Amino acid sequence: MSAVFMSSFPVFLEPVSRDLAWGRAVLPQIITVISLSAAVLMPLCGRLVDRIGVRIPVALGLILVASGMGLLSLIRSNGAVFWVAALLLGAGAALSGPPAFVGVVSSWFDKNRALALGCVLSIAPMCSQAVVAPLAQHLIATVGWRTSYQMLALVVSVVGAATALLFLRRNSAGGSEMPGPQPVDVTAGQALRTRTFWQLAIASALASGALIGFSVHVVSWLTGRSVAPAQAALVLSALFLSGVAGTFLSSYVADRSRSIRPIQIFYALPLAGLGLMAASNALPTMVLGAALVGLGMSAVTGLAPFLVTRYFGLGASAEIFGIVMAMSMASIGLAPLLIGLGFDRTGGYVLPLALTALAVAIATIAIGLLPRANAPARPAHDDHGLSIVAERVS
């Protein structure tokens, strides 16, 4: 439900801009505000989820998302209502977004935790995009964009909030058999003092920002190399479609390996993909390269919450992943802009894409330096034991 707004945004962009006589750069300002406000609030919202549970924060977040969409149906200009709606959407995304679900999903799944997290945090939003976009298009054509926003807001508030309140709950007995070097739950403060956290956070931010930024510019890059627009669109489709396969494949591997090396391979796949796409304009080669990029991109975004629970336990998983997610969102917000600025300054994509590959390479190295997951250890029961745990992770 938290993905409904973003799923429908491309469909609303043209009719809203046309009706209000806006350029195409006005309404997207909401995305910038949502990204920045959610990045700031996610660690705080994660701490709230860890302390009081998932039901109320997620329900409240979805009500805020619905309120923001409802306000958008009333806008006449990009004045106060416009910005309040954006802030409500950002706060709602922080409360009901991915960090809120890391702990609750992980508490129910040990053996197939990576797959469960991938289905909830990656596959479900993809399904939302597939369903909501054509539905929004039909509603706009039938009742107009203002009523469409109101109807979608009603679905989010009633269906989403009710589901959260009635069905979301953490399994208090779950999560104890997760293999990893961390035998007890770690607080966010303790995690921030470990090298493991920063390796994971920086790798996630660099790889996700670079690859998503690349996906924004890939069509422009290819058409600038005299690739037909239809072929460029096909390559982009291959990139996104391979993401579904990448989520299942990387989750399957992560659930069955205590070594970090197989996960590192998924981080490295986009490097091969970028090389193939740069080497040839032949359609099969470009599609194969895009598929490798998509496989790696989905693994980078899908495995981050799993790795948080592997190394730091479930006790503060929402807050810790909220910090990782905040860094990634900041990177995702900046990367497309930086690649575009690089193109404007140099007149081409050679240098921006070389720096993109460098960022992915650094992320791959950082992930490869994470410790191996050991057999589960017996929880420590004294203060000295916790200090030993923190030392082992670092």
Protein backbone atom coordinates (compact mmCIF):
# COMPACT_ATOMS: atom_id res chain seq x y z
CA MET A 1 0.00 0.00 0.00
CA SER A 2 2.84 2.43 0.67
CA ALA A 3 3.87 1.98 -2.99
CA VAL A 4 0.49 3.12 -4.38
CA PHE A 5 1.51 6.77 -4.71
CA MET A 6 4.81 6.09 -6.49
CA SER A 7 3.20 3.42 -8.68
CA SER A 8 0.57 5.84 -9.92
CA PHE A 9 2.74 8.97 -10.12
CA PRO A 10 3.87 8.55 -13.77
CA VAL A 11 0.23 8.21 -14.80
CA PHE A 12 -0.85 11.36 -12.93
CA LEU A 13 2.08 13.50 -14.13
CA GLU A 14 0.71 14.46 -17.55
CA PRO A 15 -2.96 15.16 -16.69
CA VAL A 16 -2.14 17.09 -13.51
CA SER A 17 0.52 19.18 -15.25
CA ARG A 18 -1.78 19.88 -18.19
CA ASP A 19 -4.77 20.81 -16.03
CA LEU A 20 -2.78 23.19 -13.82
CA ALA A 21 -0.70 24.59 -16.71
CA TRP A 22 2.54 23.41 -15.13
CA GLY A 23 5.77 22.36 -16.75
CA ARG A 24 6.86 18.77 -16.25
CA ALA A 25 9.36 19.81 -13.57
CA VAL A 26 6.79 21.10 -11.04
CA LEU A 27 4.93 18.02 -9.83
CA PRO A 28 8.13 15.89 -9.56
CA GLN A 29 9.30 18.27 -6.84
CA ILE A 30 7.04 16.23 -4.58
CA ILE A 31 9.30 13.21 -5.15
CA THR A 32 12.32 15.20 -3.98
CA VAL A 33 10.54 16.30 -0.79
CA ILE A 34 9.29 12.77 -0.12
CA SER A 35 12.77 11.28 -0.58
CA LEU A 36 14.53 13.80 1.64
CA SER A 37 11.91 13.84 4.41
CA ALA A 38 11.66 10.03 4.43
CA ALA A 39 15.45 9.73 4.58
CA VAL A 40 15.55 12.00 7.64
CA LEU A 41 12.64 10.30 9.41
CA MET A 42 13.30 6.61 8.64
CA PRO A 43 15.82 6.01 11.46
CA LEU A 44 13.45 7.64 13.97
CA CYS A 45 10.47 5.72 12.65
CA GLY A 46 12.51 2.52 12.76
CA ARG A 47 13.27 3.12 16.44
CA LEU A 48 9.55 3.65 17.08
CA VAL A 49 8.69 0.34 15.39
CA ASP A 50 11.34 -1.47 17.41
CA ARG A 51 9.93 -0.09 20.65
CA ILE A 52 6.15 -0.23 20.26
CA GLY A 53 5.64 -2.78 17.49
CA VAL A 54 4.64 -2.59 13.85
CA ARG A 55 0.84 -2.26 13.85
CA ILE A 56 0.26 1.33 14.94
CA PRO A 57 3.23 2.90 13.09
CA VAL A 58 2.34 1.22 9.78
CA ALA A 59 -1.36 2.03 10.15
CA LEU A 60 -0.53 5.65 10.99
CA GLY A 61 1.91 5.82 8.09
CA LEU A 62 -0.70 4.61 5.61
CA ILE A 63 -3.21 7.13 6.94
CA LEU A 64 -0.61 9.87 6.37
CA VAL A 65 0.00 8.58 2.82
CA ALA A 66 -3.75 8.62 2.18
CA SER A 67 -4.03 12.13 3.65
CA GLY A 68 -1.25 13.36 1.37
CA MET A 69 -2.94 11.89 -1.69
CA GLY A 70 -6.23 13.39 -0.59
CA LEU A 71 -4.64 16.83 -0.30
CA LEU A 72 -3.16 16.48 -3.78
CA SER A 73 -6.68 16.18 -5.13
CA LEU A 74 -7.30 19.74 -3.82
CA ILE A 75 -4.24 21.54 -5.15
CA ARG A 76 -4.70 24.58 -7.35
CA SER A 77 -1.09 25.75 -7.26
CA ASN A 78 2.24 24.70 -5.84
CA GLY A 79 1.51 26.57 -2.62
CA ALA A 80 1.09 25.47 1.00
CA VAL A 81 -1.26 22.56 0.29
CA PHE A 82 1.18 21.18 -2.26
CA TRP A 83 4.10 21.16 0.20
CA VAL A 84 2.05 19.88 3.15
CA ALA A 85 0.88 16.98 0.97
CA ALA A 86 4.50 16.18 0.07
CA LEU A 87 5.59 16.21 3.73
CA LEU A 88 2.69 13.96 4.73
CA LEU A 89 3.62 11.51 1.99
CA GLY A 90 7.25 11.54 3.12
CA ALA A 91 6.35 10.93 6.77
CA GLY A 92 3.92 8.20 5.75
CA ALA A 93 6.57 6.51 3.61
CA ALA A 94 9.00 6.56 6.53
CA LEU A 95 6.48 4.94 8.90
CA SER A 96 5.02 2.35 6.52
CA GLY A 97 7.99 1.74 4.25
CA PRO A 98 10.53 -1.12 4.16
CA PRO A 99 12.22 -0.62 7.57
CA ALA A 100 8.94 -1.26 9.39
CA PHE A 101 8.65 -4.75 7.91
CA VAL A 102 12.20 -6.06 8.41
CA GLY A 103 11.66 -7.16 12.00
CA VAL A 104 8.16 -8.53 11.63
CA VAL A 105 8.98 -10.59 8.52
CA SER A 106 12.26 -11.83 9.97
CA SER A 107 10.58 -12.93 13.19
CA TRP A 108 8.43 -15.41 11.22
CA PHE A 109 11.12 -16.76 8.88
CA ASP A 110 14.54 -18.21 9.66
CA LYS A 111 15.27 -20.80 6.96
CA ASN A 112 13.96 -18.70 4.04
CA ARG A 113 14.32 -15.24 5.53
CA ALA A 114 16.01 -13.61 2.53
CA LEU A 115 13.30 -14.93 0.21
CA ALA A 116 10.51 -13.75 2.54
CA LEU A 117 12.05 -10.27 2.81
CA GLY A 118 12.56 -10.16 -0.96
CA CYS A 119 8.91 -11.05 -1.61
CA VAL A 120 7.58 -8.45 0.84
CA LEU A 121 10.00 -5.59 0.18
CA SER A 122 10.74 -6.07 -3.55
CA ILE A 123 8.21 -8.31 -5.30
CA ALA A 124 5.14 -6.82 -3.59
CA PRO A 125 5.95 -3.24 -4.69
CA MET A 126 6.57 -4.53 -8.22
CA CYS A 127 3.13 -6.13 -8.19
CA SER A 128 1.68 -2.87 -6.89
CA GLN A 129 3.23 -1.03 -9.83
CA ALA A 130 1.83 -3.56 -12.28
CA VAL A 131 -1.70 -3.27 -10.88
CA VAL A 132 -1.97 0.37 -9.79
CA ALA A 133 -0.64 2.06 -12.93
CA PRO A 134 -3.32 0.73 -15.34
CA LEU A 135 -5.98 1.11 -12.63
CA ALA A 136 -5.05 4.77 -12.14
CA GLN A 137 -5.07 5.31 -15.89
CA HIS A 138 -8.61 3.90 -16.09
CA LEU A 139 -9.83 6.00 -13.16
CA ILE A 140 -8.37 9.22 -14.57
CA ALA A 141 -10.03 8.59 -17.92
CA THR A 142 -13.33 7.84 -16.19
CA VAL A 143 -13.65 10.28 -13.26
CA GLY A 144 -10.70 12.68 -13.61
CA TRP A 145 -7.44 12.93 -11.70
CA ARG A 146 -8.83 14.67 -8.59
CA THR A 147 -11.45 12.01 -7.87
CA SER A 148 -8.93 9.30 -8.77
CA TYR A 149 -6.54 10.55 -6.08
CA GLN A 150 -9.40 10.54 -3.59
CA MET A 151 -10.44 6.99 -4.47
CA LEU A 152 -6.89 5.65 -4.21
CA ALA A 153 -6.48 7.48 -0.90
CA LEU A 154 -9.63 5.79 0.40
CA VAL A 155 -8.28 2.35 -0.54
CA VAL A 156 -4.96 3.03 1.18
CA SER A 157 -6.54 4.33 4.37
CA VAL A 158 -9.28 1.72 4.73
CA VAL A 159 -7.73 -1.45 3.30
CA GLY A 160 -4.14 -0.71 4.23
CA ALA A 161 -4.64 0.63 7.75
CA ALA A 162 -7.21 -2.07 8.62
CA THR A 163 -4.86 -4.82 7.43
CA ALA A 164 -2.01 -3.38 9.50
CA LEU A 165 -4.11 -3.13 12.67
CA LEU A 166 -5.77 -6.52 12.37
CA PHE A 167 -3.06 -8.79 11.00
CA LEU A 168 0.46 -7.42 11.45
CA ARG A 169 2.19 -8.86 14.48
CA ARG A 170 5.67 -9.97 15.38
CA ASN A 171 6.38 -13.58 16.27
CA SER A 172 7.97 -13.26 19.70
CA ALA A 173 9.40 -16.79 19.47
CA GLY A 174 10.90 -16.38 15.99
CA GLY A 175 14.26 -15.32 14.67
CA SER A 176 16.38 -17.19 17.22
CA GLU A 177 17.94 -19.66 14.77
CA MET A 178 19.26 -17.20 12.20
CA PRO A 179 22.88 -18.14 11.40
CA GLY A 180 25.27 -15.27 11.80
CA PRO A 181 28.23 -13.96 13.74
CA GLN A 182 25.89 -12.02 16.03
CA PRO A 183 24.57 -14.19 18.90
CA VAL A 184 22.59 -11.39 20.56
CA ASP A 185 20.61 -8.45 19.29
CA VAL A 186 22.62 -5.26 18.81
CA THR A 187 21.33 -1.75 19.43
CA ALA A 188 21.59 0.88 16.72
CA GLY A 189 24.25 2.71 18.69
CA GLN A 190 26.35 -0.43 18.99
CA ALA A 191 25.91 -1.19 15.29
CA LEU A 192 27.08 2.29 14.32
CA ARG A 193 30.34 1.66 16.16
CA THR A 194 31.20 -1.39 14.06
CA ARG A 195 33.07 -1.59 10.78
CA THR A 196 30.54 -4.18 9.58
CA PHE A 197 27.69 -1.65 9.66
CA TRP A 198 29.58 0.96 7.65
CA GLN A 199 30.75 -1.56 5.08
CA LEU A 200 27.16 -2.72 4.58
CA ALA A 201 25.65 0.78 4.58
CA ILE A 202 28.21 2.31 2.22
CA ALA A 203 28.06 -0.66 -0.15
CA SER A 204 24.27 -0.49 -0.27
CA ALA A 205 24.22 3.28 -0.80
CA LEU A 206 26.91 3.29 -3.50
CA ALA A 207 25.54 0.34 -5.47
CA SER A 208 21.84 1.22 -5.27
CA GLY A 209 22.43 4.90 -6.08
CA ALA A 210 24.77 4.17 -8.99
CA LEU A 211 22.60 1.47 -10.56
CA ILE A 212 19.25 3.24 -10.15
CA GLY A 213 20.86 6.44 -11.42
CA PHE A 214 22.12 4.48 -14.43
CA SER A 215 18.64 3.09 -15.10
CA VAL A 216 17.28 6.65 -15.29
CA HIS A 217 19.76 7.58 -18.02
CA VAL A 218 20.10 4.28 -19.89
CA VAL A 219 17.64 5.16 -22.68
CA SER A 220 19.31 8.54 -23.28
CA TRP A 221 22.73 6.85 -23.28
CA LEU A 222 21.68 4.25 -25.84
CA THR A 223 19.80 6.61 -28.17
CA GLY A 224 22.84 8.91 -28.08
CA ARG A 225 24.79 5.97 -29.53
CA SER A 226 22.31 5.73 -32.45
CA VAL A 227 20.32 2.88 -30.92
CA ALA A 228 16.68 3.03 -32.06
CA PRO A 229 14.30 4.29 -29.34
CA ALA A 230 12.23 1.09 -29.56
CA GLN A 231 15.34 -1.03 -28.98
CA ALA A 232 16.44 1.20 -26.10
CA ALA A 233 13.02 0.76 -24.48
CA LEU A 234 13.35 -3.02 -24.91
CA VAL A 235 16.74 -2.96 -23.18
CA LEU A 236 15.24 -0.98 -20.30
CA SER A 237 12.42 -3.52 -20.02
CA ALA A 238 14.99 -6.33 -19.84
CA LEU A 239 16.72 -4.50 -17.02
CA PHE A 240 13.57 -4.21 -14.94
CA LEU A 241 12.15 -7.65 -15.72
CA SER A 242 15.39 -9.35 -14.73
CA GLY A 243 15.00 -7.71 -11.33
CA VAL A 244 12.21 -10.13 -10.45
CA ALA A 245 14.41 -13.11 -11.24
CA GLY A 246 17.28 -11.45 -9.40
CA THR A 247 15.24 -11.15 -6.22
CA PHE A 248 14.32 -14.84 -6.16
CA LEU A 249 17.77 -16.05 -7.22
CA SER A 250 19.79 -13.89 -4.83
CA SER A 251 17.41 -14.69 -1.95
CA TYR A 252 17.68 -18.41 -2.62
CA VAL A 253 21.47 -18.22 -2.58
CA ALA A 254 21.65 -16.03 0.52
CA ASP A 255 19.35 -18.32 2.49
CA ARG A 256 21.57 -21.31 1.78
CA SER A 257 25.07 -19.87 2.13
CA ARG A 258 26.90 -18.67 5.21
CA SER A 259 29.67 -17.26 3.05
CA ILE A 260 29.47 -13.70 1.77
CA ARG A 261 31.15 -14.66 -1.53
CA PRO A 262 27.99 -15.70 -3.43
CA ILE A 263 26.35 -12.42 -2.42
CA GLN A 264 29.44 -10.55 -3.60
CA ILE A 265 28.99 -12.13 -7.02
CA PHE A 266 25.56 -10.52 -7.35
CA TYR A 267 27.11 -7.15 -6.52
CA ALA A 268 29.71 -7.72 -9.25
CA LEU A 269 27.24 -8.77 -11.98
CA PRO A 270 26.40 -5.16 -13.00
CA LEU A 271 30.07 -4.53 -13.77
CA ALA A 272 29.93 -7.26 -16.41
CA GLY A 273 26.59 -5.93 -17.62
CA LEU A 274 27.87 -2.37 -17.99
CA GLY A 275 30.88 -3.69 -19.90
CA LEU A 276 28.71 -5.62 -22.34
CA MET A 277 26.39 -2.67 -22.92
CA ALA A 278 29.33 -0.34 -23.54
CA ALA A 279 31.09 -2.77 -25.87
CA SER A 280 28.39 -3.31 -28.48
CA ASN A 281 25.22 -1.90 -30.00
CA ALA A 282 24.01 -5.37 -30.95
CA LEU A 283 20.59 -5.88 -29.40
CA PRO A 284 21.26 -9.37 -27.91
CA THR A 285 24.44 -8.11 -26.25
CA MET A 286 22.72 -5.03 -24.83
CA VAL A 287 19.79 -7.08 -23.54
CA LEU A 288 22.15 -9.54 -21.85
CA GLY A 289 24.10 -6.68 -20.29
CA ALA A 290 20.92 -5.01 -19.07
CA ALA A 291 19.73 -8.30 -17.58
CA LEU A 292 22.98 -8.62 -15.61
CA VAL A 293 22.56 -5.05 -14.35
CA GLY A 294 18.98 -5.79 -13.33
CA LEU A 295 19.97 -8.99 -11.52
CA GLY A 296 22.57 -7.11 -9.52
CA MET A 297 20.37 -4.09 -8.85
CA SER A 298 17.58 -6.20 -7.36
CA ALA A 299 20.08 -8.15 -5.24
CA VAL A 300 21.62 -4.95 -3.87
CA THR A 301 18.27 -3.53 -2.80
CA GLY A 302 16.71 -6.83 -1.73
CA LEU A 303 19.52 -8.29 0.38
CA ALA A 304 20.31 -5.23 2.50
CA PRO A 305 17.55 -5.90 5.09
CA PHE A 306 18.50 -9.57 5.23
CA LEU A 307 22.14 -8.71 5.89
CA VAL A 308 21.10 -6.30 8.66
CA THR A 309 19.30 -9.11 10.48
CA ARG A 310 22.18 -11.53 9.83
CA TYR A 311 24.79 -9.30 11.45
CA PHE A 312 22.82 -7.33 14.03
CA GLY A 313 19.85 -9.47 15.05
CA LEU A 314 16.20 -8.42 15.21
CA GLY A 315 16.03 -6.25 18.32
CA ALA A 316 16.79 -2.95 16.56
CA SER A 317 16.49 -4.15 12.96
CA ALA A 318 13.98 -1.49 11.91
CA GLU A 319 16.11 1.36 13.24
CA ILE A 320 19.38 -0.03 11.86
CA PHE A 321 17.87 -0.73 8.43
CA GLY A 322 16.21 2.69 8.58
CA ILE A 323 19.67 4.26 8.78
CA VAL A 324 20.93 2.09 5.90
CA MET A 325 17.81 2.96 3.90
CA ALA A 326 18.22 6.67 4.61
CA MET A 327 21.76 6.63 3.23
CA SER A 328 20.59 4.69 0.17
CA MET A 329 17.71 7.08 -0.48
CA ALA A 330 20.04 10.05 -0.32
CA SER A 331 22.33 8.32 -2.81
CA ILE A 332 19.41 7.39 -5.07
CA GLY A 333 18.23 11.00 -5.00
CA LEU A 334 21.66 12.39 -5.91
CA ALA A 335 22.93 9.84 -8.45
CA PRO A 336 20.63 10.68 -11.40
CA LEU A 337 21.37 14.38 -10.90
CA LEU A 338 25.14 13.81 -10.75
CA ILE A 339 25.11 11.61 -13.86
CA GLY A 340 23.11 14.29 -15.67
CA LEU A 341 25.53 17.00 -14.55
CA GLY A 342 28.42 14.85 -15.73
CA PHE A 343 26.80 14.56 -19.15
CA ASP A 344 26.21 18.31 -19.35
CA ARG A 345 29.80 19.12 -18.38
CA THR A 346 31.56 16.56 -20.60
CA GLY A 347 29.08 16.26 -23.47
CA GLY A 348 28.76 12.51 -23.09
CA TYR A 349 28.22 9.60 -20.72
CA VAL A 350 31.75 8.16 -20.78
CA LEU A 351 32.99 9.74 -17.55
CA PRO A 352 29.67 9.51 -15.62
CA LEU A 353 29.32 5.80 -16.44
CA ALA A 354 32.97 5.14 -15.60
CA LEU A 355 32.32 6.67 -12.16
CA THR A 356 29.14 4.58 -11.92
CA ALA A 357 31.19 1.43 -12.50
CA LEU A 358 33.76 2.61 -9.93
CA ALA A 359 31.03 3.07 -7.31
CA VAL A 360 29.73 -0.46 -7.97
CA ALA A 361 33.28 -1.84 -7.77
CA ILE A 362 33.87 -0.18 -4.38
CA ALA A 363 30.54 -1.55 -3.14
CA THR A 364 31.48 -5.04 -4.32
CA ILE A 365 34.80 -4.91 -2.46
CA ALA A 366 33.13 -3.61 0.71
CA ILE A 367 30.56 -6.42 0.69
CA GLY A 368 33.27 -9.01 0.11
CA LEU A 369 35.04 -7.87 3.29
CA LEU A 370 32.03 -8.63 5.50
CA PRO A 371 32.58 -11.52 7.93
CA ARG A 372 31.37 -15.03 7.25
CA ALA A 373 28.17 -16.13 8.99
CA ASN A 374 29.12 -18.59 11.72
CA ALA A 375 27.00 -21.20 13.42
CA PRO A 376 24.51 -19.75 15.91
CA ALA A 377 26.09 -18.94 19.23
CA ARG A 378 24.50 -19.12 22.66
CA PRO A 379 23.31 -15.65 23.79
CA ALA A 380 25.58 -13.82 26.18
CA HIS A 381 24.11 -13.17 29.62
CA ASP A 382 26.53 -10.63 31.04
CA ASP A 383 27.76 -7.16 30.21
CA HIS A 384 31.21 -8.40 29.24
CA GLY A 385 29.66 -10.86 26.80
CA LEU A 386 27.98 -8.03 24.88
CA SER A 387 31.28 -6.18 24.57
CA ILE A 388 32.85 -9.36 23.18
CA VAL A 389 30.00 -9.60 20.65
CA ALA A 390 30.53 -6.04 19.46
CA GLU A 391 34.25 -6.71 19.17
CA ARG A 392 33.62 -9.83 17.09
CA VAL A 393 31.38 -7.95 14.65
CA SER A 394 33.91 -5.13 14.28
